[in-house]
C-alpha cells in the first residue's frame, strides 16, 4: 500500500516517512537535520510536519508560522502561502498544534492529506514526512503515502519494543518488506548496528515466518549522544548549521548520504 500518491508532470519526489514507535527519540530533530544534509547534496527537499495535532517542527526550528497545514485544509490559505523556506536550504510545511480534529482519521482528513501530498510531489526531489509516533490510524495512513520508511529508535528498551511493534504492523498491514533503521542516542560506536541486528532477529522469528518475502531492516546509521544536540535544541537551531563539525552532525550527514543512495 506504499507509494500510492500519483505524480503530476515529470518530477516525482521520493517520499520518505520518518517515524518511530514512541515519542522522545529525536525523530523531528533528525528529520530537520537530515533535510539540511540532503539539501546540501543538491536535492530540493520538503519536510512536511505530518504529526497532525501534536506538531513541533516549528519549535525545533524556532519558526513562528502564521499559516499552517490546518489553514490549507480549511481553505483559508493556499498551499503556496503555507510553504516556508528555511535557513537550512529546504522547505517546510508546518502543521497546527493542538488540533483535536486531526487525532482521528476521518474521510476528510484522509482526503485533505493525500491532496496536499499530491500537490507537492511534482515540486520536490525529496519529501520527508515527519509522522507522529506510534501506530494510530492517522500515523499509519500517513506512512502509507510514502515510498520508503525510516524507523528512528534509541537503545532504550521501551523504544526498541515500540520500534518492533511499528515494524510488525507495517509489515502486516502495508506489506512493507524493506525498512530502514536509524538508531539515535547511542553511547558507543557500533551500538546502533547491534540494535538493528537484535531487531532483525526478532522480526525474523516472529514476523517473517509465513510471509512470501521476509522483512529486511537496513541499517541507515547511528547518531551518538552528543552535548551539541542538547545545545542546538536549546537554541532552537539546526545542528548542521550551528555545530556542523560535531560527532552527531557528522553522523547525520553520513545517514543522509546513505538515504540518498
Protein backbone atom coordinates (compact mmCIF):
# COMPACT_ATOMS: atom_id res chain seq x y z
CA UNK A 1 0.00 0.00 0.00
CA UNK A 2 3.03 2.23 -0.36
CA UNK A 3 3.75 4.97 -2.86
CA UNK A 4 0.06 5.48 -3.60
CA UNK A 5 0.31 9.17 -4.45
CA UNK A 6 0.22 9.73 -8.21
CA UNK A 7 2.67 12.18 -9.70
CA UNK A 8 1.89 15.13 -11.91
CA UNK A 9 4.33 16.04 -14.64
CA UNK A 10 7.87 14.74 -14.96
CA UNK A 11 9.22 15.46 -11.49
CA UNK A 12 8.34 12.95 -8.80
CA UNK A 13 9.63 13.42 -5.28
CA UNK A 14 10.76 10.38 -3.35
CA UNK A 15 8.63 10.30 -0.22
CA UNK A 16 10.31 9.10 2.97
CA UNK A 17 8.22 8.62 6.10
CA UNK A 18 10.29 9.26 9.23
CA UNK A 19 8.52 7.51 12.08
CA UNK A 20 9.04 5.92 15.49
CA UNK A 21 7.29 3.59 17.87
CA UNK A 22 7.39 6.08 20.71
CA UNK A 23 7.91 9.80 21.18
CA UNK A 24 11.05 11.41 22.51
CA UNK A 25 13.53 9.58 20.30
CA UNK A 26 14.56 12.67 18.30
CA UNK A 27 12.52 11.95 15.19
CA UNK A 28 11.64 15.57 14.37
CA UNK A 29 15.14 16.80 15.19
CA UNK A 30 16.62 14.19 12.87
CA UNK A 31 14.10 14.91 10.10
CA UNK A 32 15.07 18.58 10.06
CA UNK A 33 18.82 17.91 10.08
CA UNK A 34 18.59 15.14 7.51
CA UNK A 35 16.81 17.69 5.32
CA UNK A 36 19.78 20.07 5.65
CA UNK A 37 22.21 17.34 4.63
CA UNK A 38 20.06 16.24 1.69
CA UNK A 39 19.65 19.85 0.53
CA UNK A 40 23.43 20.27 0.61
CA UNK A 41 23.66 17.26 -1.68
CA UNK A 42 21.62 19.20 -4.23
CA UNK A 43 18.17 17.80 -3.52
CA UNK A 44 15.14 20.04 -3.38
CA UNK A 45 13.67 18.94 -0.04
CA UNK A 46 10.36 19.45 1.75
CA UNK A 47 9.77 18.46 5.37
CA UNK A 48 6.05 18.02 5.91
CA UNK A 49 5.06 18.07 9.56
CA UNK A 50 2.64 15.16 9.46
CA UNK A 51 2.27 14.87 13.23
CA UNK A 52 -1.22 16.29 12.88
CA UNK A 53 -2.43 17.84 16.11
CA UNK A 54 0.86 17.47 18.05
CA UNK A 55 3.17 19.29 15.69
CA UNK A 56 6.53 20.51 17.00
CA UNK A 57 8.71 21.03 13.93
CA UNK A 58 8.15 24.77 14.35
CA UNK A 59 9.52 24.58 17.92
CA UNK A 60 12.62 22.63 16.87
CA UNK A 61 13.37 25.20 14.17
CA UNK A 62 12.26 28.32 16.06
CA UNK A 63 9.67 29.16 13.45
CA UNK A 64 6.50 31.10 14.11
CA UNK A 65 4.14 30.11 11.33
CA UNK A 66 1.27 32.39 10.50
CA UNK A 67 -0.11 29.84 8.04
CA UNK A 68 -0.20 26.09 8.70
CA UNK A 69 -1.45 22.88 7.13
CA UNK A 70 -4.69 23.44 9.02
CA UNK A 71 -5.24 26.67 7.06
CA UNK A 72 -4.64 24.81 3.80
CA UNK A 73 -7.03 22.01 4.81
CA UNK A 74 -9.77 24.52 5.66
CA UNK A 75 -9.22 26.55 2.50
CA UNK A 76 -8.31 29.75 4.34
CA UNK A 77 -4.92 29.86 2.61
CA UNK A 78 -3.28 28.28 -0.39
CA UNK A 79 -0.55 25.65 -0.30
CA UNK A 80 1.93 28.15 -1.74
CA UNK A 81 1.26 30.51 1.16
CA UNK A 82 1.97 27.74 3.69
CA UNK A 83 5.32 26.62 2.26
CA UNK A 84 8.18 28.20 4.25
CA UNK A 85 11.80 28.40 3.09
CA UNK A 86 14.29 27.76 5.89
CA UNK A 87 17.84 28.84 6.56
CA UNK A 88 18.87 25.21 6.13
CA UNK A 89 18.14 25.33 2.41
CA UNK A 90 14.95 23.28 2.47
CA UNK A 91 11.20 23.97 2.66
CA UNK A 92 8.80 23.15 5.48
CA UNK A 93 5.05 22.73 5.63
CA UNK A 94 4.06 23.12 9.25
CA UNK A 95 1.03 21.63 10.98
CA UNK A 96 -1.04 23.34 13.63
CA UNK A 97 -0.59 22.13 17.20
CA UNK A 98 -3.44 21.10 19.49
CA UNK A 99 -5.90 20.39 16.69
CA UNK A 100 -8.08 17.66 18.17
CA UNK A 101 -9.90 17.16 14.87
CA UNK A 102 -6.76 15.55 13.46
CA UNK A 103 -6.45 12.92 16.16
CA UNK A 104 -8.71 10.56 14.15
CA UNK A 105 -8.50 9.51 10.53
CA UNK A 106 -11.78 10.83 9.19
CA UNK A 107 -12.56 10.71 5.46
CA UNK A 108 -12.00 14.48 5.40
CA UNK A 109 -8.52 14.25 6.94
CA UNK A 110 -7.61 11.41 4.57
CA UNK A 111 -8.74 13.36 1.53
CA UNK A 112 -7.07 16.61 2.62
CA UNK A 113 -3.76 14.96 3.44
CA UNK A 114 -3.47 12.99 0.22
CA UNK A 115 -4.46 16.11 -1.72
CA UNK A 116 -1.65 18.15 -0.21
CA UNK A 117 0.91 15.40 -0.76
CA UNK A 118 -0.23 15.01 -4.36
CA UNK A 119 0.23 18.73 -4.91
CA UNK A 120 3.79 18.89 -3.50
CA UNK A 121 5.12 15.71 -5.13
CA UNK A 122 5.91 17.37 -8.50
CA UNK A 123 7.72 20.29 -6.86
CA UNK A 124 10.46 18.50 -4.92
CA UNK A 125 13.08 15.78 -5.20
CA UNK A 126 12.53 14.52 -1.65
CA UNK A 127 9.67 14.80 0.81
CA UNK A 128 10.29 13.84 4.43
CA UNK A 129 7.02 13.07 6.22
CA UNK A 130 7.70 13.72 9.90
CA UNK A 131 4.95 11.47 11.24
CA UNK A 132 3.50 11.19 14.70
CA UNK A 133 4.81 8.44 16.98
CA UNK A 134 3.04 5.13 17.44
CA UNK A 135 0.60 3.20 15.28
CA UNK A 136 -2.59 5.26 15.27
CA UNK A 137 -4.68 5.20 12.11
CA UNK A 138 -3.55 8.75 11.23
CA UNK A 139 0.13 7.77 11.52
CA UNK A 140 -0.32 4.56 9.54
CA UNK A 141 -2.24 6.31 6.78
CA UNK A 142 0.46 8.98 6.52
CA UNK A 143 3.13 6.30 6.24
CA UNK A 144 1.10 4.54 3.53
CA UNK A 145 1.68 7.56 1.28
CA UNK A 146 5.47 7.10 1.41
CA UNK A 147 7.78 5.23 -0.93
CA UNK A 148 10.02 4.18 1.96
CA UNK A 149 10.02 4.16 5.74
CA UNK A 150 12.76 5.23 8.14
CA UNK A 151 12.19 4.00 11.70
CA UNK A 152 14.01 6.02 14.39
CA UNK A 153 14.79 4.24 17.65
CA UNK A 154 17.07 4.65 20.65
CA UNK A 155 18.81 1.94 22.72
CA UNK A 156 16.19 2.35 25.44
CA UNK A 157 14.25 -0.94 25.87
CA UNK A 158 10.82 0.69 25.54
CA UNK A 159 11.92 2.37 22.31
CA UNK A 160 13.05 -0.95 20.86
CA UNK A 161 9.84 -2.69 21.90
CA UNK A 162 7.76 0.04 20.26
CA UNK A 163 10.00 0.08 17.16
CA UNK A 164 9.42 -3.65 16.76
CA UNK A 165 5.65 -3.16 17.13
CA UNK A 166 5.73 -0.47 14.43
CA UNK A 167 7.74 -2.68 12.07
CA UNK A 168 5.37 -5.60 12.65
CA UNK A 169 2.29 -3.51 11.91
CA UNK A 170 3.83 -2.01 8.76
CA UNK A 171 4.86 -5.45 7.54
CA UNK A 172 1.44 -6.97 8.08
CA UNK A 173 -0.90 -4.10 7.16
CA UNK A 174 1.09 -2.36 4.42
CA UNK A 175 3.13 -5.29 3.16
CA UNK A 176 6.35 -3.39 3.85
CA UNK A 177 9.30 -5.71 3.30
CA UNK A 178 12.19 -3.23 3.34
CA UNK A 179 12.51 -0.68 6.12
CA UNK A 180 15.42 1.47 7.22
CA UNK A 181 16.51 1.91 10.82
CA UNK A 182 18.35 4.87 12.31
CA UNK A 183 19.46 4.50 15.93
CA UNK A 184 19.75 7.76 17.87
CA UNK A 185 21.50 8.48 21.18
CA UNK A 186 23.98 5.59 21.10
CA UNK A 187 26.59 5.57 23.86
CA UNK A 188 29.37 3.78 21.98
CA UNK A 189 30.35 3.17 18.34
CA UNK A 190 28.71 0.10 16.85
CA UNK A 191 25.81 0.04 19.29
CA UNK A 192 23.34 1.04 16.59
CA UNK A 193 24.34 -1.80 14.31
CA UNK A 194 23.97 -4.27 17.20
CA UNK A 195 20.48 -2.92 17.92
CA UNK A 196 19.47 -3.22 14.29
CA UNK A 197 20.70 -6.82 14.43
CA UNK A 198 18.62 -7.52 17.52
CA UNK A 199 15.53 -6.05 15.88
CA UNK A 200 16.17 -8.11 12.74
CA UNK A 201 16.44 -11.30 14.81
CA UNK A 202 13.09 -10.67 16.48
CA UNK A 203 11.48 -9.80 13.13
CA UNK A 204 12.94 -12.98 11.56
CA UNK A 205 11.47 -15.05 14.36
CA UNK A 206 8.04 -13.52 14.84
CA UNK A 207 7.14 -11.53 11.70
CA UNK A 208 8.74 -13.02 8.60
CA UNK A 209 7.59 -16.66 9.03
CA UNK A 210 4.56 -17.16 6.83
CA UNK A 211 5.41 -14.20 4.57
CA UNK A 212 6.44 -14.95 0.99
CA UNK A 213 9.16 -12.31 1.24
CA UNK A 214 10.92 -11.80 4.60
CA UNK A 215 11.18 -8.36 6.17
CA UNK A 216 14.61 -6.77 5.83
CA UNK A 217 15.82 -3.97 8.10
CA UNK A 218 18.53 -1.83 6.52
CA UNK A 219 20.87 -0.10 8.94
CA UNK A 220 20.95 3.56 7.93
CA UNK A 221 23.28 4.66 10.71
CA UNK A 222 23.67 5.68 14.33
CA UNK A 223 23.85 9.09 15.97
CA UNK A 224 25.86 9.31 19.19
CA UNK A 225 24.87 11.00 22.42
CA UNK A 226 26.40 14.45 21.96
CA UNK A 227 26.12 17.59 24.12
CA UNK A 228 25.93 19.55 20.88
CA UNK A 229 22.46 18.13 20.24
CA UNK A 230 21.19 19.50 23.53
CA UNK A 231 22.81 22.86 22.75
CA UNK A 232 21.18 23.03 19.32
CA UNK A 233 17.78 22.08 20.74
CA UNK A 234 18.05 24.74 23.44
CA UNK A 235 18.98 27.33 20.84
CA UNK A 236 16.23 26.05 18.54
CA UNK A 237 18.76 25.84 15.76
CA UNK A 238 19.64 23.18 13.22
CA UNK A 239 22.64 21.16 14.42
CA UNK A 240 24.17 21.06 10.95
CA UNK A 241 24.08 24.85 10.82
CA UNK A 242 25.27 25.86 14.28
CA UNK A 243 27.61 22.96 15.18
CA UNK A 244 28.41 21.17 11.91
CA UNK A 245 31.71 19.64 12.99
CA UNK A 246 30.35 17.71 15.94
CA UNK A 247 30.08 13.92 16.08
CA UNK A 248 26.28 13.92 15.95
CA UNK A 249 26.22 16.29 12.97
CA UNK A 250 28.69 14.18 11.05
CA UNK A 251 26.65 11.07 11.82
CA UNK A 252 23.51 12.72 10.42
CA UNK A 253 25.39 13.64 7.24
CA UNK A 254 26.54 10.03 6.88
CA UNK A 255 22.96 8.80 7.33
CA UNK A 256 21.69 11.28 4.75
CA UNK A 257 24.31 10.06 2.28
CA UNK A 258 23.03 6.50 2.67
CA UNK A 259 19.45 7.70 2.43
CA UNK A 260 20.20 9.43 -0.86
CA UNK A 261 21.69 6.31 -2.47
